Amino acid sequence: MKNRMYKISVALVTLFVAGPADAEVAVRVTDVTTLKGYTINHLVGTGLVVGLNGTGDGDQYEPTMRALIQGLGGLGVPINGIEELRDTSNVALVLLDAVIPETGAREGDRIDIHVSAIGSAKSLAGGRLLIAPLVFRDPTIDGVFAFAQGALEVSATSPTTGVIRFGALVNEDVLLGYTATGSEVPFANDWIQEDEIYITLVVDEAHAGWGMSVAIAEAINAELSLTADVERVAVAADPRNVVVWVPKFQRADPAAWIRDIEELSTLMPAAEARVSINRKTGTIVISGDARVSPAIVSHKGMTVTVRSPAPDPDEPSVESNQFVGVASGAGDRSSMSDLLQSLNQLKVPVDDRIAILTQLQRAGKLHAKLIFRD
């Protein structure tokens, strides 16, 4: 029996709908940027999990025994040496990590604690964390910001990790700083003055580029320079950062100034041609004018042919196990969407699609930035 040949006319199967190539899209500044300082933070610490059913570190793991001696001593139970704790296997030394949300945390708030064994414990199931202090992840910032304790919910996949829901009680406000003096802004620019106050807008990775950062700076200057009575209030420091001056009359309460900036609209510049691949989820996202030059790729018995011009319908067929023909619509390059549509028609597995795209990129035939996001 002859092998079947799959020949695809991409003009008939393409489901992508595109607008005019020069269409401009307006977006709010807040939709493509994040205010520097508006990010999660971590409180960390170490502690002891007790009450384990013989699955703890054991008396051979000295760091746990020393921590236990210190903890018992603080509770008025003196221990003269590790030998007095012989056969102790119901205790485990753990690392603690609590995430402070982007909006910060105030005294009295409760947040989750993530717990991980660091010794020789086999399981934390049934254990309870003794009260333990949490400090800021940056060792240059002093102070105890929260205290953690409580019963663990052990992970179903890893018995030596778990979580304590609302197990950390915030002891000191964790407030986020959005403004900085010019001396603290890490960009070399003559416009930035050491004794002035600034905020920084960080462009999202998916939109980062000089075109985007300059467009944002221009939009801010066009709308707010007159309000501030200066020539300009913003500068594109690099492809991901836009530095904005805070006028003196706004410094006592910069919230309204930040609001006005974030609500501004700017026109999106032409999107960079990108093919973003998430190998974990099998997702492939195409942006911009991603195209492929004429090429032939053979992969696992399948041949992918990108041709220009389109093949003659009367051209004799060449039989093979699987064949994907992708014809260019214009010029000498084919659209990436055409190629993926063709592969989709043959139900090519995601891993094979990724392998084909990778080989095209290495051969210099894929005209787009290939980005892997795992």
Protein backbone atom coordinates (compact mmCIF):
# COMPACT_ATOMS: atom_id res chain seq x y z
CA MET A 1 0.00 0.00 0.00
CA LYS A 2 1.38 3.39 -0.89
CA ASN A 3 2.34 5.78 1.86
CA ARG A 4 -0.08 8.64 2.22
CA MET A 5 1.13 12.10 1.36
CA TYR A 6 -0.29 15.04 3.28
CA LYS A 7 -0.05 18.22 1.23
CA ILE A 8 -1.53 21.29 2.80
CA SER A 9 -2.65 24.45 1.13
CA VAL A 10 -2.13 26.87 3.97
CA ALA A 11 -4.26 29.51 2.33
CA LEU A 12 -7.28 27.30 2.96
CA VAL A 13 -6.57 26.21 6.54
CA THR A 14 -5.17 29.36 8.13
CA LEU A 15 -7.47 30.50 10.94
CA PHE A 16 -5.49 33.54 12.06
CA VAL A 17 -7.24 36.87 11.64
CA ALA A 18 -5.01 39.90 11.35
CA GLY A 19 -5.67 43.56 10.95
CA PRO A 20 -3.75 45.98 8.75
CA ALA A 21 0.00 45.71 9.18
CA ASP A 22 0.26 49.37 10.15
CA ALA A 23 -2.64 49.33 12.62
CA GLU A 24 -1.80 51.14 15.85
CA VAL A 25 -3.09 50.02 19.22
CA ALA A 26 -3.43 52.35 22.20
CA VAL A 27 -2.71 50.92 25.66
CA ARG A 28 -2.58 52.38 29.15
CA VAL A 29 0.85 52.80 30.69
CA THR A 30 -0.20 50.64 33.64
CA ASP A 31 -1.04 47.77 31.24
CA VAL A 32 2.54 47.41 30.01
CA THR A 33 4.61 48.55 33.02
CA THR A 34 5.08 47.89 36.71
CA LEU A 35 5.99 50.54 39.23
CA LYS A 36 9.43 49.75 40.65
CA GLY A 37 8.99 48.72 44.26
CA TYR A 38 5.61 47.17 43.54
CA THR A 39 6.80 43.61 43.92
CA ILE A 40 6.63 40.67 46.28
CA ASN A 41 9.15 40.34 49.10
CA HIS A 42 10.23 37.45 51.28
CA LEU A 43 10.64 36.94 55.01
CA VAL A 44 12.88 34.01 55.91
CA GLY A 45 13.98 32.09 58.95
CA THR A 46 14.73 28.70 60.46
CA GLY A 47 12.75 26.73 63.00
CA LEU A 48 12.03 23.40 64.60
CA VAL A 49 9.15 21.13 63.68
CA VAL A 50 8.21 18.84 66.60
CA GLY A 51 5.74 16.02 67.12
CA LEU A 52 6.97 13.84 64.27
CA ASN A 53 6.35 10.12 64.44
CA GLY A 54 9.97 9.01 64.34
CA THR A 55 10.59 10.66 60.95
CA GLY A 56 12.70 13.60 62.15
CA ASP A 57 16.40 14.29 61.81
CA GLY A 58 17.55 12.05 64.64
CA ASP A 59 20.29 12.68 67.18
CA GLN A 60 23.01 12.18 64.56
CA TYR A 61 22.17 15.51 62.91
CA GLU A 62 23.93 17.93 65.25
CA PRO A 63 22.53 21.25 63.87
CA THR A 64 19.04 20.10 64.88
CA MET A 65 20.21 18.97 68.31
CA ARG A 66 22.01 22.28 68.94
CA ALA A 67 18.92 24.24 67.89
CA LEU A 68 16.79 22.08 70.17
CA ILE A 69 19.15 22.64 73.11
CA GLN A 70 19.00 26.40 72.52
CA GLY A 71 15.20 26.36 72.23
CA LEU A 72 14.70 24.30 75.37
CA GLY A 73 17.13 26.51 77.25
CA GLY A 74 15.04 29.53 76.35
CA LEU A 75 12.03 27.78 77.84
CA GLY A 76 13.81 27.14 81.11
CA VAL A 77 14.71 23.51 80.38
CA PRO A 78 18.53 23.30 80.67
CA ILE A 79 20.28 20.61 78.61
CA ASN A 80 23.92 19.86 79.37
CA GLY A 81 24.83 18.23 76.07
CA ILE A 82 23.70 16.45 72.92
CA GLU A 83 24.08 13.09 74.66
CA GLU A 84 21.03 13.92 76.78
CA LEU A 85 18.95 14.01 73.60
CA ARG A 86 19.92 10.52 72.47
CA ASP A 87 17.36 8.78 70.22
CA THR A 88 15.48 12.03 69.55
CA SER A 89 13.81 11.47 66.19
CA ASN A 90 10.62 13.50 66.51
CA VAL A 91 12.22 16.87 65.68
CA ALA A 92 13.35 18.37 62.34
CA LEU A 93 15.23 21.54 61.48
CA VAL A 94 13.46 23.49 58.71
CA LEU A 95 13.77 26.57 56.51
CA LEU A 96 10.89 29.04 56.56
CA ASP A 97 9.76 31.34 53.75
CA ALA A 98 6.83 33.77 53.91
CA VAL A 99 5.82 35.88 50.90
CA ILE A 100 4.87 39.53 51.45
CA PRO A 101 2.38 40.51 48.71
CA GLU A 102 2.92 43.36 46.26
CA THR A 103 0.82 45.68 48.41
CA GLY A 104 2.99 45.13 51.49
CA ALA A 105 1.88 43.94 54.93
CA ARG A 106 0.79 45.71 58.10
CA GLU A 107 1.24 44.78 61.73
CA GLY A 108 -1.31 42.13 62.67
CA ASP A 109 -1.68 40.66 59.17
CA ARG A 110 -1.36 36.89 58.79
CA ILE A 111 0.41 35.26 55.84
CA ASP A 112 1.24 31.70 54.79
CA ILE A 113 4.55 30.04 55.64
CA HIS A 114 6.30 27.56 53.36
CA VAL A 115 8.34 24.99 55.26
CA SER A 116 11.19 22.80 53.96
CA ALA A 117 13.27 20.25 55.89
CA ILE A 118 17.03 20.84 55.64
CA GLY A 119 18.34 17.88 57.63
CA SER A 120 17.82 14.14 57.34
CA ALA A 121 14.09 14.09 58.14
CA LYS A 122 12.06 11.58 56.16
CA SER A 123 8.70 13.30 56.61
CA LEU A 124 7.16 16.36 58.29
CA ALA A 125 3.70 14.80 58.43
CA GLY A 126 1.94 15.41 61.74
CA GLY A 127 4.48 18.00 62.84
CA ARG A 128 4.01 21.43 64.36
CA LEU A 129 6.36 24.39 64.01
CA LEU A 130 7.57 25.90 67.25
CA ILE A 131 7.36 29.70 67.31
CA ALA A 132 10.18 31.12 65.17
CA PRO A 133 11.20 34.66 64.13
CA LEU A 134 11.21 35.77 60.49
CA VAL A 135 13.56 38.43 59.13
CA PHE A 136 13.76 40.28 55.83
CA ARG A 137 15.56 38.40 53.05
CA ASP A 138 18.05 41.28 52.73
CA PRO A 139 20.50 40.83 55.63
CA THR A 140 21.27 44.56 55.65
CA ILE A 141 17.73 45.25 56.91
CA ASP A 142 17.60 44.54 60.63
CA GLY A 143 14.61 43.52 62.70
CA VAL A 144 12.15 40.71 63.25
CA PHE A 145 9.17 41.32 60.98
CA ALA A 146 6.99 38.33 61.88
CA PHE A 147 6.68 35.27 64.09
CA ALA A 148 5.71 31.88 62.66
CA GLN A 149 4.15 28.81 64.24
CA GLY A 150 1.44 26.22 63.67
CA ALA A 151 0.54 22.79 62.31
CA LEU A 152 1.83 21.78 58.88
CA GLU A 153 -0.05 20.71 55.78
CA VAL A 154 2.47 18.38 54.14
CA SER A 155 2.87 18.31 50.37
CA ALA A 156 1.33 15.29 48.65
CA THR A 157 4.36 14.94 46.39
CA SER A 158 7.15 15.74 48.86
CA PRO A 159 6.69 14.77 52.53
CA THR A 160 9.62 16.96 53.60
CA THR A 161 7.90 20.20 52.48
CA GLY A 162 4.67 21.79 53.56
CA VAL A 163 2.75 24.96 54.31
CA ILE A 164 1.20 26.56 57.39
CA ARG A 165 -1.85 28.56 56.33
CA PHE A 166 -1.82 32.05 57.90
CA GLY A 167 0.95 30.79 60.17
CA ALA A 168 3.02 33.99 60.22
CA LEU A 169 1.81 36.95 62.29
CA VAL A 170 3.34 40.19 61.01
CA ASN A 171 5.03 42.01 63.87
CA GLU A 172 6.24 45.09 62.01
CA ASP A 173 4.89 46.93 58.97
CA VAL A 174 6.47 45.96 55.66
CA LEU A 175 5.85 49.00 53.47
CA LEU A 176 7.09 49.34 49.93
CA GLY A 177 9.05 52.36 48.70
CA TYR A 178 8.16 53.63 45.25
CA THR A 179 10.16 56.86 45.16
CA ALA A 180 13.93 57.28 45.15
CA THR A 181 16.39 60.13 45.07
CA GLY A 182 18.44 60.67 41.95
CA SER A 183 21.51 59.31 43.74
CA GLU A 184 19.62 56.04 44.27
CA VAL A 185 18.45 55.71 40.66
CA PRO A 186 20.93 53.29 38.99
CA PHE A 187 21.05 54.97 35.58
CA ALA A 188 23.69 57.27 34.14
CA ASN A 189 21.82 60.23 32.68
CA ASP A 190 22.64 63.92 32.94
CA TRP A 191 18.94 64.74 33.28
CA ILE A 192 18.66 62.80 36.57
CA GLN A 193 19.68 65.04 39.49
CA GLU A 194 21.00 63.54 42.74
CA ASP A 195 18.78 65.56 45.10
CA GLU A 196 15.52 65.23 43.11
CA ILE A 197 12.83 62.56 43.62
CA TYR A 198 11.88 60.02 40.95
CA ILE A 199 9.79 56.94 40.31
CA THR A 200 10.72 54.23 37.80
CA LEU A 201 8.34 52.41 35.48
CA VAL A 202 9.58 48.94 34.52
CA VAL A 203 8.31 47.80 31.11
CA ASP A 204 6.99 44.23 31.07
CA GLU A 205 9.40 41.75 29.53
CA ALA A 206 6.96 40.93 26.74
CA HIS A 207 6.89 44.60 25.66
CA ALA A 208 10.46 45.63 26.49
CA GLY A 209 12.33 47.56 23.82
CA TRP A 210 13.54 51.05 23.02
CA GLY A 211 10.41 51.70 20.97
CA MET A 212 8.13 50.96 23.92
CA SER A 213 10.14 52.81 26.56
CA VAL A 214 10.53 55.90 24.35
CA ALA A 215 6.81 55.85 23.49
CA ILE A 216 5.92 55.78 27.20
CA ALA A 217 8.32 58.62 28.03
CA GLU A 218 6.95 60.72 25.17
CA ALA A 219 3.35 60.15 26.27
CA ILE A 220 4.17 61.21 29.83
CA ASN A 221 6.04 64.30 28.68
CA ALA A 222 3.25 65.32 26.30
CA GLU A 223 0.59 65.15 29.01
CA LEU A 224 2.32 66.11 32.26
CA SER A 225 5.21 68.45 31.45
CA LEU A 226 2.86 71.43 31.31
CA THR A 227 1.33 70.46 34.66
CA ALA A 228 4.79 70.32 36.23
CA ASP A 229 5.88 73.50 34.39
CA VAL A 230 9.06 71.91 33.04
CA GLU A 231 10.31 70.87 29.61
CA ARG A 232 10.07 67.16 30.41
CA VAL A 233 9.32 64.91 33.35
CA ALA A 234 10.30 61.50 31.96
CA VAL A 235 13.21 59.83 30.18
CA ALA A 236 13.66 56.36 28.70
CA ALA A 237 16.68 55.13 30.66
CA ASP A 238 16.97 51.84 28.76
CA PRO A 239 14.67 49.40 26.92
CA ARG A 240 12.94 48.35 30.16
CA ASN A 241 13.01 51.41 32.43
CA VAL A 242 11.38 54.84 32.24
CA VAL A 243 12.42 57.30 34.96
CA VAL A 244 9.82 59.93 35.91
CA TRP A 245 10.47 63.05 37.99
CA VAL A 246 8.14 63.77 40.91
CA PRO A 247 7.42 67.52 41.16
CA LYS A 248 7.89 69.19 44.53
CA PHE A 249 4.16 69.83 44.95
CA GLN A 250 3.48 66.07 44.60
CA ARG A 251 6.17 64.67 46.91
CA ALA A 252 4.20 64.74 50.15
CA ASP A 253 1.56 62.53 48.55
CA PRO A 254 2.72 61.12 45.18
CA ALA A 255 -0.29 58.80 44.78
CA ALA A 256 -2.21 61.18 42.50
CA TRP A 257 0.89 61.76 40.34
CA ILE A 258 1.43 58.00 39.98
CA ARG A 259 -2.25 57.54 39.13
CA ASP A 260 -2.11 60.19 36.40
CA ILE A 261 0.95 58.52 34.88
CA GLU A 262 -0.46 55.00 34.94
CA GLU A 263 -3.75 56.06 33.35
CA LEU A 264 -2.06 57.72 30.36
CA SER A 265 -2.47 56.07 26.96
CA THR A 266 0.33 55.45 24.50
CA LEU A 267 0.48 53.93 21.04
CA MET A 268 2.13 50.53 20.84
CA PRO A 269 5.14 50.54 18.51
CA ALA A 270 5.47 47.81 15.90
CA ALA A 271 5.77 44.53 17.79
CA GLU A 272 9.10 42.73 17.69
CA ALA A 273 8.89 39.43 15.83
CA ARG A 274 8.97 36.78 18.57
CA VAL A 275 8.18 33.10 18.95
CA SER A 276 7.72 32.36 22.66
CA ILE A 277 7.73 28.69 23.66
CA ASN A 278 6.78 27.28 27.03
CA ARG A 279 8.12 23.71 27.01
CA LYS A 280 6.33 22.86 30.23
CA THR A 281 2.84 23.71 28.99
CA GLY A 282 3.49 23.14 25.28
CA THR A 283 2.33 26.67 24.41
CA ILE A 284 3.70 28.50 21.36
CA VAL A 285 2.91 32.23 21.02
CA ILE A 286 3.76 34.25 17.92
CA SER A 287 3.98 38.02 17.95
CA GLY A 288 5.00 40.56 15.36
CA ASP A 289 5.79 39.66 11.76
CA ALA A 290 7.51 36.32 12.43
CA ARG A 291 8.43 34.64 9.15
CA VAL A 292 10.37 31.70 7.72
CA SER A 293 12.67 31.68 4.68
CA PRO A 294 12.59 28.85 2.12
CA ALA A 295 13.98 25.72 3.76
CA ILE A 296 13.58 21.95 4.05
CA VAL A 297 13.59 20.28 7.45
CA SER A 298 13.42 16.51 7.92
CA HIS A 299 12.37 15.37 11.37
CA LYS A 300 11.34 11.85 12.44
CA GLY A 301 10.27 10.83 8.95
CA MET A 302 8.41 14.06 8.32
CA THR A 303 9.60 16.61 5.80
CA VAL A 304 8.73 20.27 6.16
CA THR A 305 9.23 22.31 3.01
CA VAL A 306 8.93 26.08 2.94
CA ARG A 307 8.72 27.16 -0.71
CA SER A 308 8.70 30.39 -2.64
CA PRO A 309 6.87 30.81 -4.91
CA ALA A 310 3.95 28.50 -4.17
CA PRO A 311 4.15 25.11 -5.91
CA ASP A 312 2.26 24.60 -9.17
CA PRO A 313 -0.93 22.62 -8.51
CA ASP A 314 -0.06 20.44 -11.54
CA GLU A 315 3.42 19.71 -10.26
CA PRO A 316 4.01 15.95 -9.84
CA SER A 317 3.63 14.81 -6.23
CA VAL A 318 6.54 13.28 -4.39
CA GLU A 319 5.40 10.58 -2.03
CA SER A 320 6.74 10.34 1.51
CA ASN A 321 5.57 9.28 4.94
CA GLN A 322 4.50 12.76 5.85
CA PHE A 323 4.95 15.98 3.94
CA VAL A 324 4.13 19.53 4.88
CA GLY A 325 4.27 22.13 2.16
CA VAL A 326 4.21 25.77 3.25
CA ALA A 327 3.99 28.34 0.46
CA SER A 328 4.92 31.96 0.96
CA GLY A 329 2.11 34.42 0.64
CA ALA A 330 4.26 37.34 -0.41
CA GLY A 331 7.91 38.01 -1.04
CA ASP A 332 10.29 35.14 -0.26
CA ARG A 333 9.20 34.36 3.30
CA SER A 334 6.29 32.44 4.79
CA SER A 335 4.32 33.42 7.84
CA MET A 336 5.04 31.50 11.03
CA SER A 337 1.31 31.13 11.53
CA ASP A 338 1.11 29.30 8.19
CA LEU A 339 3.78 26.86 9.28
CA LEU A 340 2.14 26.12 12.63
CA GLN A 341 -1.25 25.71 10.97
CA SER A 342 0.27 23.15 8.63
CA LEU A 343 1.85 21.23 11.49
CA ASN A 344 -1.42 21.39 13.36
CA GLN A 345 -3.27 19.80 10.43
CA LEU A 346 -0.94 16.81 10.67
CA LYS A 347 -1.37 16.69 14.46
CA VAL A 348 2.38 16.97 14.93
CA PRO A 349 3.21 16.63 18.66
CA VAL A 350 4.26 19.79 20.46
CA ASP A 351 7.78 18.51 21.20
CA ASP A 352 8.33 17.89 17.48
CA ARG A 353 7.02 21.35 16.60
CA ILE A 354 9.46 22.89 19.05
CA ALA A 355 12.32 20.82 17.59
CA ILE A 356 11.46 21.98 14.06
CA LEU A 357 11.31 25.64 15.08
CA THR A 358 14.62 25.31 16.92
CA GLN A 359 16.35 23.82 13.88
CA LEU A 360 14.96 26.54 11.61
CA GLN A 361 16.27 29.17 14.00
CA ARG A 362 19.73 27.57 14.14
CA ALA A 363 19.83 27.44 10.36
CA GLY A 364 19.06 31.15 10.17
CA LYS A 365 15.73 30.55 8.46
CA LEU A 366 13.47 31.65 11.31
CA HIS A 367 13.21 35.44 11.24
CA ALA A 368 12.07 36.12 14.78
CA LYS A 369 13.50 36.02 18.27
CA LEU A 370 13.03 32.52 19.71
CA ILE A 371 12.32 32.69 23.44
CA PHE A 372 11.95 29.71 25.77
CA ARG A 373 9.90 30.25 28.92
CA ASP A 374 10.00 27.24 31.25
